[in-house]
Amino acid sequence: MSWADLVNNNLVGSGNVSKAAICGFDGSIWGKSDNFKASTPFFSDSMAHFRRALSPLCTSW
């Protein structure tokens, strides 16, 4: 099963969410629903903010 299959079958397919994506800490998109229009630069920026927020808690980054 691919990441896109997991997103489409388990997340969007559950009926509980309408759009979903799974991305890495570097912002790379591993899988997303067809109707999710965000791009790698969007996720890169979002993950940079996430990492800064968590950096006091995680010393292995």
PDB file of N, CA and C in Angstrom:
ATOM      1  N   MET A   1       0.853  -1.176   0.000  1.00  0.00           N
ATOM      2  CA  MET A   1       0.000   0.000   0.000  1.00  0.00           C
ATOM      3  C   MET A   1       0.897   1.237   0.000  1.00  0.00           C
ATOM      4  N   SER A   2       0.566   2.184  -0.837  1.00  0.00           N
ATOM      5  CA  SER A   2       1.327   3.433  -0.914  1.00  0.00           C
ATOM      6  C   SER A   2       0.783   4.442   0.100  1.00  0.00           C
ATOM      7  N   TRP A   3       1.543   5.522   0.307  1.00  0.00           N
ATOM      8  CA  TRP A   3       1.077   6.588   1.199  1.00  0.00           C
ATOM      9  C   TRP A   3      -0.199   7.212   0.651  1.00  0.00           C
ATOM     10  N   ALA A   4      -0.280   7.377  -0.670  1.00  0.00           N
ATOM     11  CA  ALA A   4      -1.491   7.949  -1.277  1.00  0.00           C
ATOM     12  C   ALA A   4      -2.691   7.040  -1.032  1.00  0.00           C
ATOM     13  N   ASP A   5      -2.487   5.721  -1.111  1.00  0.00           N
ATOM     14  CA  ASP A   5      -3.573   4.780  -0.814  1.00  0.00           C
ATOM     15  C   ASP A   5      -4.019   4.912   0.635  1.00  0.00           C
ATOM     16  N   LEU A   6      -3.056   5.043   1.542  1.00  0.00           N
ATOM     17  CA  LEU A   6      -3.398   5.195   2.957  1.00  0.00           C
ATOM     18  C   LEU A   6      -4.227   6.455   3.175  1.00  0.00           C
ATOM     19  N   VAL A   7      -3.815   7.554   2.548  1.00  0.00           N
ATOM     20  CA  VAL A   7      -4.555   8.814   2.673  1.00  0.00           C
ATOM     21  C   VAL A   7      -5.964   8.656   2.121  1.00  0.00           C
ATOM     22  N   ASN A   8      -6.070   8.142   0.898  1.00  0.00           N
ATOM     23  CA  ASN A   8      -7.378   8.054   0.245  1.00  0.00           C
ATOM     24  C   ASN A   8      -8.300   7.021   0.879  1.00  0.00           C
ATOM     25  N   ASN A   9      -7.767   5.873   1.260  1.00  0.00           N
ATOM     26  CA  ASN A   9      -8.609   4.799   1.801  1.00  0.00           C
ATOM     27  C   ASN A   9      -8.929   4.974   3.283  1.00  0.00           C
ATOM     28  N   ASN A  10      -7.944   5.364   4.068  1.00  0.00           N
ATOM     29  CA  ASN A  10      -8.140   5.391   5.522  1.00  0.00           C
ATOM     30  C   ASN A  10      -8.511   6.759   6.074  1.00  0.00           C
ATOM     31  N   LEU A  11      -7.961   7.814   5.525  1.00  0.00           N
ATOM     32  CA  LEU A  11      -8.268   9.146   6.049  1.00  0.00           C
ATOM     33  C   LEU A  11      -9.494   9.731   5.359  1.00  0.00           C
ATOM     34  N   VAL A  12      -9.373  10.002   4.063  1.00  0.00           N
ATOM     35  CA  VAL A  12     -10.506  10.564   3.323  1.00  0.00           C
ATOM     36  C   VAL A  12     -11.623   9.530   3.215  1.00  0.00           C
ATOM     37  N   GLY A  13     -11.254   8.279   3.019  1.00  0.00           N
ATOM     38  CA  GLY A  13     -12.248   7.214   2.896  1.00  0.00           C
ATOM     39  C   GLY A  13     -13.064   6.986   4.151  1.00  0.00           C
ATOM     40  N   SER A  14     -12.578   7.457   5.295  1.00  0.00           N
ATOM     41  CA  SER A  14     -13.320   7.300   6.546  1.00  0.00           C
ATOM     42  C   SER A  14     -14.552   8.190   6.588  1.00  0.00           C
ATOM     43  N   GLY A  15     -14.547   9.239   5.757  1.00  0.00           N
ATOM     44  CA  GLY A  15     -15.644  10.195   5.784  1.00  0.00           C
ATOM     45  C   GLY A  15     -15.494  11.255   6.860  1.00  0.00           C
ATOM     46  N   ASN A  16     -14.445  11.152   7.671  1.00  0.00           N
ATOM     47  CA  ASN A  16     -14.234  12.119   8.748  1.00  0.00           C
ATOM     48  C   ASN A  16     -13.420  13.331   8.320  1.00  0.00           C
ATOM     49  N   VAL A  17     -12.677  13.217   7.231  1.00  0.00           N
ATOM     50  CA  VAL A  17     -11.914  14.339   6.685  1.00  0.00           C
ATOM     51  C   VAL A  17     -12.172  14.421   5.189  1.00  0.00           C
ATOM     52  N   SER A  18     -12.063  15.617   4.633  1.00  0.00           N
ATOM     53  CA  SER A  18     -12.316  15.773   3.199  1.00  0.00           C
ATOM     54  C   SER A  18     -11.029  15.892   2.392  1.00  0.00           C
ATOM     55  N   LYS A  19      -9.940  16.340   3.030  1.00  0.00           N
ATOM     56  CA  LYS A  19      -8.643  16.483   2.379  1.00  0.00           C
ATOM     57  C   LYS A  19      -7.576  16.050   3.367  1.00  0.00           C
ATOM     58  N   ALA A  20      -6.519  15.422   2.858  1.00  0.00           N
ATOM     59  CA  ALA A  20      -5.465  14.970   3.762  1.00  0.00           C
ATOM     60  C   ALA A  20      -4.154  14.826   3.008  1.00  0.00           C
ATOM     61  N   ALA A  21      -3.063  14.885   3.767  1.00  0.00           N
ATOM     62  CA  ALA A  21      -1.734  14.669   3.207  1.00  0.00           C
ATOM     63  C   ALA A  21      -0.821  14.137   4.297  1.00  0.00           C
ATOM     64  N   ILE A  22       0.185  13.400   3.884  1.00  0.00           N
ATOM     65  CA  ILE A  22       1.246  12.951   4.778  1.00  0.00           C
ATOM     66  C   ILE A  22       2.535  13.487   4.183  1.00  0.00           C
ATOM     67  N   CYS A  23       3.307  14.182   5.005  1.00  0.00           N
ATOM     68  CA  CYS A  23       4.559  14.750   4.503  1.00  0.00           C
ATOM     69  C   CYS A  23       5.672  14.495   5.505  1.00  0.00           C
ATOM     70  N   GLY A  24       6.902  14.592   5.008  1.00  0.00           N
ATOM     71  CA  GLY A  24       8.071  14.432   5.846  1.00  0.00           C
ATOM     72  C   GLY A  24       8.432  15.739   6.526  1.00  0.00           C
ATOM     73  N   PHE A  25       9.349  15.677   7.487  1.00  0.00           N
ATOM     74  CA  PHE A  25       9.792  16.890   8.172  1.00  0.00           C
ATOM     75  C   PHE A  25      10.490  17.859   7.226  1.00  0.00           C
ATOM     76  N   ASP A  26      10.969  17.365   6.088  1.00  0.00           N
ATOM     77  CA  ASP A  26      11.600  18.244   5.105  1.00  0.00           C
ATOM     78  C   ASP A  26      10.586  18.881   4.164  1.00  0.00           C
ATOM     79  N   GLY A  27       9.308  18.556   4.343  1.00  0.00           N
ATOM     80  CA  GLY A  27       8.255  19.120   3.511  1.00  0.00           C
ATOM     81  C   GLY A  27       7.910  18.293   2.300  1.00  0.00           C
ATOM     82  N   SER A  28       8.638  17.201   2.067  1.00  0.00           N
ATOM     83  CA  SER A  28       8.329  16.360   0.913  1.00  0.00           C
ATOM     84  C   SER A  28       6.976  15.687   1.114  1.00  0.00           C
ATOM     85  N   ILE A  29       6.211  15.618   0.054  1.00  0.00           N
ATOM     86  CA  ILE A  29       4.870  15.034   0.116  1.00  0.00           C
ATOM     87  C   ILE A  29       4.981  13.540  -0.147  1.00  0.00           C
ATOM     88  N   TRP A  30       4.566  12.742   0.822  1.00  0.00           N
ATOM     89  CA  TRP A  30       4.611  11.292   0.681  1.00  0.00           C
ATOM     90  C   TRP A  30       3.334  10.773   0.044  1.00  0.00           C
ATOM     91  N   GLY A  31       2.230  11.392   0.364  1.00  0.00           N
ATOM     92  CA  GLY A  31       0.940  11.012  -0.203  1.00  0.00           C
ATOM     93  C   GLY A  31      -0.092  12.059   0.141  1.00  0.00           C
ATOM     94  N   LYS A  32      -1.015  12.324  -0.793  1.00  0.00           N
ATOM     95  CA  LYS A  32      -2.065  13.304  -0.524  1.00  0.00           C
ATOM     96  C   LYS A  32      -3.300  12.932  -1.309  1.00  0.00           C
ATOM     97  N   SER A  33      -4.431  13.436  -0.837  1.00  0.00           N
ATOM     98  CA  SER A  33      -5.675  13.210  -1.562  1.00  0.00           C
ATOM     99  C   SER A  33      -5.670  14.071  -2.823  1.00  0.00           C
ATOM    100  N   ASP A  34      -6.405  13.633  -3.830  1.00  0.00           N
ATOM    101  CA  ASP A  34      -6.420  14.327  -5.119  1.00  0.00           C
ATOM    102  C   ASP A  34      -6.878  15.771  -5.001  1.00  0.00           C
ATOM    103  N   ASN A  35      -7.764  16.046  -4.058  1.00  0.00           N
ATOM    104  CA  ASN A  35      -8.320  17.397  -3.933  1.00  0.00           C
ATOM    105  C   ASN A  35      -7.501  18.297  -3.009  1.00  0.00           C
ATOM    106  N   PHE A  36      -6.355  17.843  -2.524  1.00  0.00           N
ATOM    107  CA  PHE A  36      -5.484  18.644  -1.666  1.00  0.00           C
ATOM    108  C   PHE A  36      -4.485  19.361  -2.568  1.00  0.00           C
ATOM    109  N   LYS A  37      -4.574  20.672  -2.643  1.00  0.00           N
ATOM    110  CA  LYS A  37      -3.792  21.448  -3.605  1.00  0.00           C
ATOM    111  C   LYS A  37      -2.495  22.027  -3.044  1.00  0.00           C
ATOM    112  N   ALA A  38      -2.147  21.736  -1.816  1.00  0.00           N
ATOM    113  CA  ALA A  38      -0.912  22.267  -1.235  1.00  0.00           C
ATOM    114  C   ALA A  38       0.301  21.659  -1.934  1.00  0.00           C
ATOM    115  N   SER A  39       1.402  22.405  -1.932  1.00  0.00           N
ATOM    116  CA  SER A  39       2.613  21.982  -2.624  1.00  0.00           C
ATOM    117  C   SER A  39       3.758  21.760  -1.634  1.00  0.00           C
ATOM    118  N   THR A  40       4.866  21.231  -2.134  1.00  0.00           N
ATOM    119  CA  THR A  40       6.035  21.005  -1.288  1.00  0.00           C
ATOM    120  C   THR A  40       6.506  22.289  -0.599  1.00  0.00           C
ATOM    121  N   PRO A  41       6.577  23.449  -1.286  1.00  0.00           N
ATOM    122  CA  PRO A  41       6.978  24.672  -0.559  1.00  0.00           C
ATOM    123  C   PRO A  41       6.054  25.008   0.616  1.00  0.00           C
ATOM    124  N   PHE A  42       4.756  24.769   0.456  1.00  0.00           N
ATOM    125  CA  PHE A  42       3.813  25.001   1.556  1.00  0.00           C
ATOM    126  C   PHE A  42       4.169  24.117   2.743  1.00  0.00           C
ATOM    127  N   PHE A  43       4.386  22.829   2.488  1.00  0.00           N
ATOM    128  CA  PHE A  43       4.705  21.907   3.572  1.00  0.00           C
ATOM    129  C   PHE A  43       6.084  22.186   4.161  1.00  0.00           C
ATOM    130  N   SER A  44       7.046  22.573   3.334  1.00  0.00           N
ATOM    131  CA  SER A  44       8.384  22.898   3.848  1.00  0.00           C
ATOM    132  C   SER A  44       8.306  24.034   4.852  1.00  0.00           C
ATOM    133  N   ASP A  45       7.567  25.062   4.513  1.00  0.00           N
ATOM    134  CA  ASP A  45       7.399  26.208   5.412  1.00  0.00           C
ATOM    135  C   ASP A  45       6.656  25.799   6.680  1.00  0.00           C
ATOM    136  N   SER A  46       5.581  25.034   6.523  1.00  0.00           N
ATOM    137  CA  SER A  46       4.794  24.586   7.681  1.00  0.00           C
ATOM    138  C   SER A  46       5.629  23.723   8.611  1.00  0.00           C
ATOM    139  N   MET A  47       6.405  22.799   8.049  1.00  0.00           N
ATOM    140  CA  MET A  47       7.211  21.907   8.873  1.00  0.00           C
ATOM    141  C   MET A  47       8.351  22.661   9.551  1.00  0.00           C
ATOM    142  N   ALA A  48       8.873  23.711   8.919  1.00  0.00           N
ATOM    143  CA  ALA A  48       9.912  24.524   9.562  1.00  0.00           C
ATOM    144  C   ALA A  48       9.359  25.176  10.826  1.00  0.00           C
ATOM    145  N   HIS A  49       8.139  25.682  10.765  1.00  0.00           N
ATOM    146  CA  HIS A  49       7.501  26.266  11.953  1.00  0.00           C
ATOM    147  C   HIS A  49       7.262  25.195  13.016  1.00  0.00           C
ATOM    148  N   PHE A  50       6.818  24.034  12.594  1.00  0.00           N
ATOM    149  CA  PHE A  50       6.561  22.921  13.509  1.00  0.00           C
ATOM    150  C   PHE A  50       7.855  22.507  14.215  1.00  0.00           C
ATOM    151  N   ARG A  51       8.942  22.383  13.448  1.00  0.00           N
ATOM    152  CA  ARG A  51      10.218  21.986  14.038  1.00  0.00           C
ATOM    153  C   ARG A  51      10.726  23.032  15.030  1.00  0.00           C
ATOM    154  N   ARG A  52      10.571  24.316  14.697  1.00  0.00           N
ATOM    155  CA  ARG A  52      11.000  25.376  15.631  1.00  0.00           C
ATOM    156  C   ARG A  52      10.197  25.305  16.926  1.00  0.00           C
ATOM    157  N   ALA A  53       8.914  25.017  16.811  1.00  0.00           N
ATOM    158  CA  ALA A  53       8.069  24.934  18.006  1.00  0.00           C
ATOM    159  C   ALA A  53       8.464  23.747  18.876  1.00  0.00           C
ATOM    160  N   LEU A  54       8.871  22.645  18.247  1.00  0.00           N
ATOM    161  CA  LEU A  54       9.222  21.443  18.998  1.00  0.00           C
ATOM    162  C   LEU A  54      10.694  21.356  19.376  1.00  0.00           C
ATOM    163  N   SER A  55      11.533  22.212  18.822  1.00  0.00           N
ATOM    164  CA  SER A  55      12.973  22.079  19.030  1.00  0.00           C
ATOM    165  C   SER A  55      13.396  22.061  20.501  1.00  0.00           C
ATOM    166  N   PRO A  56      12.740  22.792  21.399  1.00  0.00           N
ATOM    167  CA  PRO A  56      13.144  22.674  22.807  1.00  0.00           C
ATOM    168  C   PRO A  56      12.890  21.279  23.386  1.00  0.00           C
ATOM    169  N   LEU A  57      11.988  20.525  22.777  1.00  0.00           N
ATOM    170  CA  LEU A  57      11.635  19.204  23.285  1.00  0.00           C
ATOM    171  C   LEU A  57      12.422  18.081  22.632  1.00  0.00           C
ATOM    172  N   CYS A  58      12.941  18.317  21.429  1.00  0.00           N
ATOM    173  CA  CYS A  58      13.599  17.266  20.649  1.00  0.00           C
ATOM    174  C   CYS A  58      15.038  17.664  20.366  1.00  0.00           C
ATOM    175  N   THR A  59      15.964  16.957  20.946  1.00  0.00           N
ATOM    176  CA  THR A  59      17.370  17.303  20.767  1.00  0.00           C
ATOM    177  C   THR A  59      18.028  16.517  19.645  1.00  0.00           C
ATOM    178  N   SER A  60      17.344  15.538  19.049  1.00  0.00           N
ATOM    179  CA  SER A  60      17.965  14.698  18.024  1.00  0.00           C
ATOM    180  C   SER A  60      17.784  15.237  16.617  1.00  0.00           C
ATOM    181  N   TRP A  61      17.220  16.432  16.420  1.00  0.00           N
ATOM    182  CA  TRP A  61      17.026  16.990  15.082  1.00  0.00           C
ATOM    183  C   TRP A  61      18.251  17.712  14.727  1.00  0.00           C
TER     184      TRP A  61
END
